[in-house]
Amino acid sequence: MTVVGRDEAADIRVDEPLVSRHHARIERREGEFVLVDLDSTNRTRVNDVVVAERPLRHGDQLRFARACCVFLEDEPSQVEPESSPHPPRAEGL
């Protein structure tokens, strides 16, 4: 599980005042990555749609308040849940 937020302990730290301390999390479920909003004040968006929970796809645009990034998987069509040594990356933060 990867926590996104403003808190110093967040796995992906976003230095943006409108981002909640614990804004969202990215978790691995049944072979895919899922983004879960943690009841953030300024909401989480995927491809400009407000979401509470949503599976992520390579190239999805994520927005945490005003902070934007792109979800990328290494070799997206070949990643297996147990064989992926790398956590998800978020570029643009």
N, C-alpha and C. Protein backbone atom coordinates (compact mmCIF):
# COMPACT_ATOMS: atom_id res chain seq x y z
N MET A 1 0.85 -1.17 0.00
CA MET A 1 0.00 0.00 0.00
C MET A 1 0.90 1.24 0.00
N THR A 2 0.53 2.22 -0.80
CA THR A 2 1.27 3.47 -0.93
C THR A 2 0.33 4.62 -0.57
N VAL A 3 0.72 5.42 0.42
CA VAL A 3 -0.10 6.56 0.85
C VAL A 3 0.40 7.82 0.17
N VAL A 4 -0.54 8.59 -0.36
CA VAL A 4 -0.26 9.88 -0.99
C VAL A 4 -0.81 10.96 -0.09
N GLY A 5 0.00 11.97 0.22
CA GLY A 5 -0.51 13.06 1.05
C GLY A 5 0.56 14.07 1.43
N ARG A 6 0.16 15.01 2.24
CA ARG A 6 1.02 16.10 2.68
C ARG A 6 1.85 15.70 3.90
N ASP A 7 1.45 14.67 4.62
CA ASP A 7 2.12 14.25 5.84
C ASP A 7 3.57 13.83 5.57
N GLU A 8 4.45 14.13 6.51
CA GLU A 8 5.87 13.77 6.38
C GLU A 8 6.05 12.26 6.19
N ALA A 9 5.15 11.46 6.75
CA ALA A 9 5.28 10.01 6.68
C ALA A 9 4.65 9.40 5.43
N ALA A 10 4.04 10.21 4.57
CA ALA A 10 3.40 9.68 3.35
C ALA A 10 4.46 9.06 2.44
N ASP A 11 4.10 7.98 1.77
CA ASP A 11 5.02 7.33 0.84
C ASP A 11 5.30 8.22 -0.36
N ILE A 12 4.26 8.87 -0.87
CA ILE A 12 4.41 9.89 -1.91
C ILE A 12 3.97 11.20 -1.28
N ARG A 13 4.94 12.04 -0.94
CA ARG A 13 4.65 13.29 -0.24
C ARG A 13 4.39 14.40 -1.26
N VAL A 14 3.27 15.09 -1.08
CA VAL A 14 2.88 16.17 -1.98
C VAL A 14 2.89 17.47 -1.18
N ASP A 15 3.81 18.36 -1.52
CA ASP A 15 3.95 19.63 -0.81
C ASP A 15 3.01 20.66 -1.43
N GLU A 16 1.75 20.52 -1.11
CA GLU A 16 0.68 21.38 -1.66
C GLU A 16 -0.34 21.58 -0.54
N PRO A 17 -0.61 22.82 -0.15
CA PRO A 17 -1.48 23.07 1.01
C PRO A 17 -2.90 22.52 0.89
N LEU A 18 -3.42 22.34 -0.32
CA LEU A 18 -4.78 21.83 -0.47
C LEU A 18 -4.86 20.30 -0.45
N VAL A 19 -3.72 19.64 -0.44
CA VAL A 19 -3.69 18.18 -0.34
C VAL A 19 -3.82 17.81 1.12
N SER A 20 -4.67 16.84 1.41
CA SER A 20 -4.86 16.37 2.79
C SER A 20 -3.60 15.65 3.26
N ARG A 21 -3.43 15.58 4.58
CA ARG A 21 -2.25 14.89 5.13
C ARG A 21 -2.22 13.43 4.68
N HIS A 22 -3.36 12.78 4.66
CA HIS A 22 -3.51 11.42 4.14
C HIS A 22 -4.61 11.50 3.08
N HIS A 23 -4.23 11.85 1.87
CA HIS A 23 -5.19 12.18 0.82
C HIS A 23 -5.77 10.94 0.13
N ALA A 24 -4.90 10.01 -0.23
CA ALA A 24 -5.33 8.83 -0.98
C ALA A 24 -4.32 7.71 -0.76
N ARG A 25 -4.69 6.52 -1.20
CA ARG A 25 -3.73 5.41 -1.16
C ARG A 25 -3.85 4.64 -2.47
N ILE A 26 -2.75 4.01 -2.83
CA ILE A 26 -2.72 3.14 -4.00
C ILE A 26 -2.38 1.75 -3.46
N GLU A 27 -3.25 0.80 -3.76
CA GLU A 27 -3.02 -0.55 -3.27
C GLU A 27 -3.11 -1.55 -4.41
N ARG A 28 -2.53 -2.69 -4.18
CA ARG A 28 -2.55 -3.75 -5.19
C ARG A 28 -3.65 -4.73 -4.82
N ARG A 29 -4.58 -4.97 -5.75
CA ARG A 29 -5.68 -5.92 -5.53
C ARG A 29 -5.86 -6.77 -6.77
N GLU A 30 -5.83 -8.06 -6.58
CA GLU A 30 -6.12 -9.00 -7.66
C GLU A 30 -5.41 -8.64 -8.97
N GLY A 31 -4.13 -8.31 -8.86
CA GLY A 31 -3.33 -8.06 -10.05
C GLY A 31 -3.42 -6.68 -10.65
N GLU A 32 -4.11 -5.75 -9.99
CA GLU A 32 -4.16 -4.39 -10.52
C GLU A 32 -3.97 -3.39 -9.39
N PHE A 33 -3.58 -2.17 -9.76
CA PHE A 33 -3.44 -1.10 -8.79
C PHE A 33 -4.78 -0.37 -8.68
N VAL A 34 -5.17 -0.05 -7.44
CA VAL A 34 -6.45 0.63 -7.19
C VAL A 34 -6.16 1.89 -6.38
N LEU A 35 -6.70 3.01 -6.82
CA LEU A 35 -6.59 4.28 -6.10
C LEU A 35 -7.81 4.44 -5.22
N VAL A 36 -7.59 4.77 -3.93
CA VAL A 36 -8.68 4.94 -2.98
C VAL A 36 -8.53 6.32 -2.34
N ASP A 37 -9.55 7.15 -2.47
CA ASP A 37 -9.55 8.45 -1.80
C ASP A 37 -9.80 8.21 -0.31
N LEU A 38 -9.07 8.91 0.54
CA LEU A 38 -9.19 8.74 1.99
C LEU A 38 -10.03 9.86 2.60
N ASP A 39 -11.20 10.10 2.02
CA ASP A 39 -12.10 11.17 2.47
C ASP A 39 -11.40 12.52 2.49
N SER A 40 -10.63 12.78 1.46
CA SER A 40 -9.89 14.04 1.37
C SER A 40 -10.84 15.22 1.21
N THR A 41 -10.43 16.34 1.72
CA THR A 41 -11.25 17.56 1.65
C THR A 41 -11.44 18.03 0.21
N ASN A 42 -10.36 17.98 -0.57
CA ASN A 42 -10.40 18.52 -1.94
C ASN A 42 -10.45 17.45 -3.02
N ARG A 43 -10.78 16.24 -2.63
CA ARG A 43 -11.07 15.14 -3.54
C ARG A 43 -9.90 14.66 -4.38
N THR A 44 -10.10 13.49 -4.92
CA THR A 44 -9.13 12.86 -5.81
C THR A 44 -9.80 12.66 -7.16
N ARG A 45 -9.04 12.94 -8.22
CA ARG A 45 -9.58 12.79 -9.57
C ARG A 45 -8.67 11.88 -10.39
N VAL A 46 -9.30 11.10 -11.25
CA VAL A 46 -8.57 10.30 -12.24
C VAL A 46 -9.13 10.69 -13.60
N ASN A 47 -8.26 11.18 -14.47
CA ASN A 47 -8.68 11.64 -15.80
C ASN A 47 -9.84 12.63 -15.68
N ASP A 48 -9.72 13.55 -14.73
CA ASP A 48 -10.68 14.64 -14.48
C ASP A 48 -12.03 14.20 -13.93
N VAL A 49 -12.14 12.97 -13.46
CA VAL A 49 -13.37 12.48 -12.86
C VAL A 49 -13.12 12.25 -11.37
N VAL A 50 -13.98 12.83 -10.52
CA VAL A 50 -13.86 12.63 -9.08
C VAL A 50 -14.13 11.17 -8.76
N VAL A 51 -13.24 10.56 -7.96
CA VAL A 51 -13.39 9.15 -7.63
C VAL A 51 -13.26 8.93 -6.12
N ALA A 52 -13.96 7.90 -5.65
CA ALA A 52 -13.76 7.42 -4.29
C ALA A 52 -12.80 6.24 -4.33
N GLU A 53 -12.94 5.43 -5.38
CA GLU A 53 -12.09 4.27 -5.58
C GLU A 53 -12.12 3.92 -7.06
N ARG A 54 -10.93 3.58 -7.60
CA ARG A 54 -10.90 3.28 -9.03
C ARG A 54 -9.64 2.50 -9.40
N PRO A 55 -9.78 1.45 -10.20
CA PRO A 55 -8.59 0.77 -10.71
C PRO A 55 -7.81 1.73 -11.60
N LEU A 56 -6.49 1.64 -11.55
CA LEU A 56 -5.64 2.52 -12.34
C LEU A 56 -5.10 1.80 -13.56
N ARG A 57 -4.94 2.56 -14.63
CA ARG A 57 -4.37 2.05 -15.87
C ARG A 57 -3.14 2.89 -16.21
N HIS A 58 -2.22 2.28 -16.89
CA HIS A 58 -1.01 2.98 -17.34
C HIS A 58 -1.41 4.25 -18.09
N GLY A 59 -0.85 5.37 -17.69
CA GLY A 59 -1.12 6.64 -18.35
C GLY A 59 -2.25 7.46 -17.75
N ASP A 60 -2.96 6.91 -16.75
CA ASP A 60 -4.03 7.70 -16.10
C ASP A 60 -3.46 8.97 -15.50
N GLN A 61 -4.21 10.05 -15.62
CA GLN A 61 -3.83 11.32 -15.01
C GLN A 61 -4.49 11.42 -13.64
N LEU A 62 -3.67 11.58 -12.61
CA LEU A 62 -4.16 11.67 -11.24
C LEU A 62 -4.06 13.11 -10.76
N ARG A 63 -5.07 13.53 -10.00
CA ARG A 63 -5.04 14.87 -9.43
C ARG A 63 -5.43 14.78 -7.97
N PHE A 64 -4.54 15.29 -7.13
CA PHE A 64 -4.78 15.39 -5.69
C PHE A 64 -4.84 16.88 -5.38
N ALA A 65 -6.07 17.42 -5.20
CA ALA A 65 -6.28 18.87 -5.10
C ALA A 65 -5.72 19.50 -6.38
N ARG A 66 -4.69 20.37 -6.27
CA ARG A 66 -4.13 21.00 -7.47
C ARG A 66 -2.90 20.27 -8.01
N ALA A 67 -2.43 19.26 -7.31
CA ALA A 67 -1.24 18.51 -7.72
C ALA A 67 -1.62 17.46 -8.77
N CYS A 68 -0.88 17.42 -9.87
CA CYS A 68 -1.17 16.49 -10.96
C CYS A 68 0.02 15.56 -11.18
N CYS A 69 -0.28 14.35 -11.58
CA CYS A 69 0.76 13.40 -11.95
C CYS A 69 0.17 12.37 -12.90
N VAL A 70 1.02 11.50 -13.41
CA VAL A 70 0.61 10.45 -14.33
C VAL A 70 1.01 9.11 -13.72
N PHE A 71 0.08 8.14 -13.71
CA PHE A 71 0.36 6.81 -13.19
C PHE A 71 1.03 5.99 -14.28
N LEU A 72 2.21 5.44 -13.96
CA LEU A 72 2.96 4.64 -14.92
C LEU A 72 3.31 3.30 -14.30
N GLU A 73 3.16 2.25 -15.08
CA GLU A 73 3.60 0.92 -14.68
C GLU A 73 4.77 0.52 -15.56
N ASP A 74 5.75 -0.16 -14.98
CA ASP A 74 6.83 -0.71 -15.79
C ASP A 74 6.26 -1.86 -16.59
N GLU A 75 6.43 -1.81 -17.90
CA GLU A 75 5.92 -2.86 -18.78
C GLU A 75 4.48 -3.23 -18.42
N PRO A 76 3.53 -2.31 -18.59
CA PRO A 76 2.17 -2.50 -18.09
C PRO A 76 1.47 -3.77 -18.55
N SER A 77 1.74 -4.24 -19.73
CA SER A 77 1.01 -5.43 -20.20
C SER A 77 1.62 -6.72 -19.67
N GLN A 78 2.79 -6.66 -19.02
CA GLN A 78 3.46 -7.87 -18.59
C GLN A 78 3.63 -7.96 -17.08
N VAL A 79 3.19 -6.98 -16.31
CA VAL A 79 3.39 -6.99 -14.86
C VAL A 79 2.46 -8.00 -14.21
N GLU A 80 3.01 -8.88 -13.41
CA GLU A 80 2.24 -9.85 -12.64
C GLU A 80 2.27 -9.42 -11.18
N PRO A 81 1.22 -9.65 -10.41
CA PRO A 81 1.17 -9.17 -9.02
C PRO A 81 2.35 -9.62 -8.17
N GLU A 82 2.73 -10.87 -8.24
CA GLU A 82 3.80 -11.37 -7.39
C GLU A 82 5.18 -11.07 -7.96
N SER A 83 5.28 -10.81 -9.25
CA SER A 83 6.60 -10.65 -9.85
C SER A 83 7.04 -9.20 -9.99
N SER A 84 6.19 -8.25 -9.67
CA SER A 84 6.55 -6.85 -9.82
C SER A 84 7.36 -6.38 -8.62
N PRO A 85 8.68 -6.12 -8.79
CA PRO A 85 9.51 -5.69 -7.67
C PRO A 85 9.37 -4.20 -7.39
N HIS A 86 8.72 -3.47 -8.28
CA HIS A 86 8.66 -2.02 -8.16
C HIS A 86 7.28 -1.54 -7.76
N PRO A 87 7.19 -0.61 -6.79
CA PRO A 87 5.89 -0.02 -6.47
C PRO A 87 5.46 0.91 -7.60
N PRO A 88 4.21 1.36 -7.61
CA PRO A 88 3.77 2.27 -8.66
C PRO A 88 4.55 3.57 -8.61
N ARG A 89 4.69 4.21 -9.77
CA ARG A 89 5.37 5.51 -9.85
C ARG A 89 4.32 6.56 -10.15
N ALA A 90 4.55 7.74 -9.65
CA ALA A 90 3.70 8.88 -9.97
C ALA A 90 4.62 10.00 -10.43
N GLU A 91 4.57 10.32 -11.70
CA GLU A 91 5.41 11.38 -12.22
C GLU A 91 4.66 12.70 -12.20
N GLY A 92 5.40 13.76 -11.94
CA GLY A 92 4.82 15.09 -11.99
C GLY A 92 4.64 15.72 -10.63
N LEU A 93 4.91 15.00 -9.55
CA LEU A 93 4.75 15.57 -8.21
C LEU A 93 6.04 16.15 -7.73
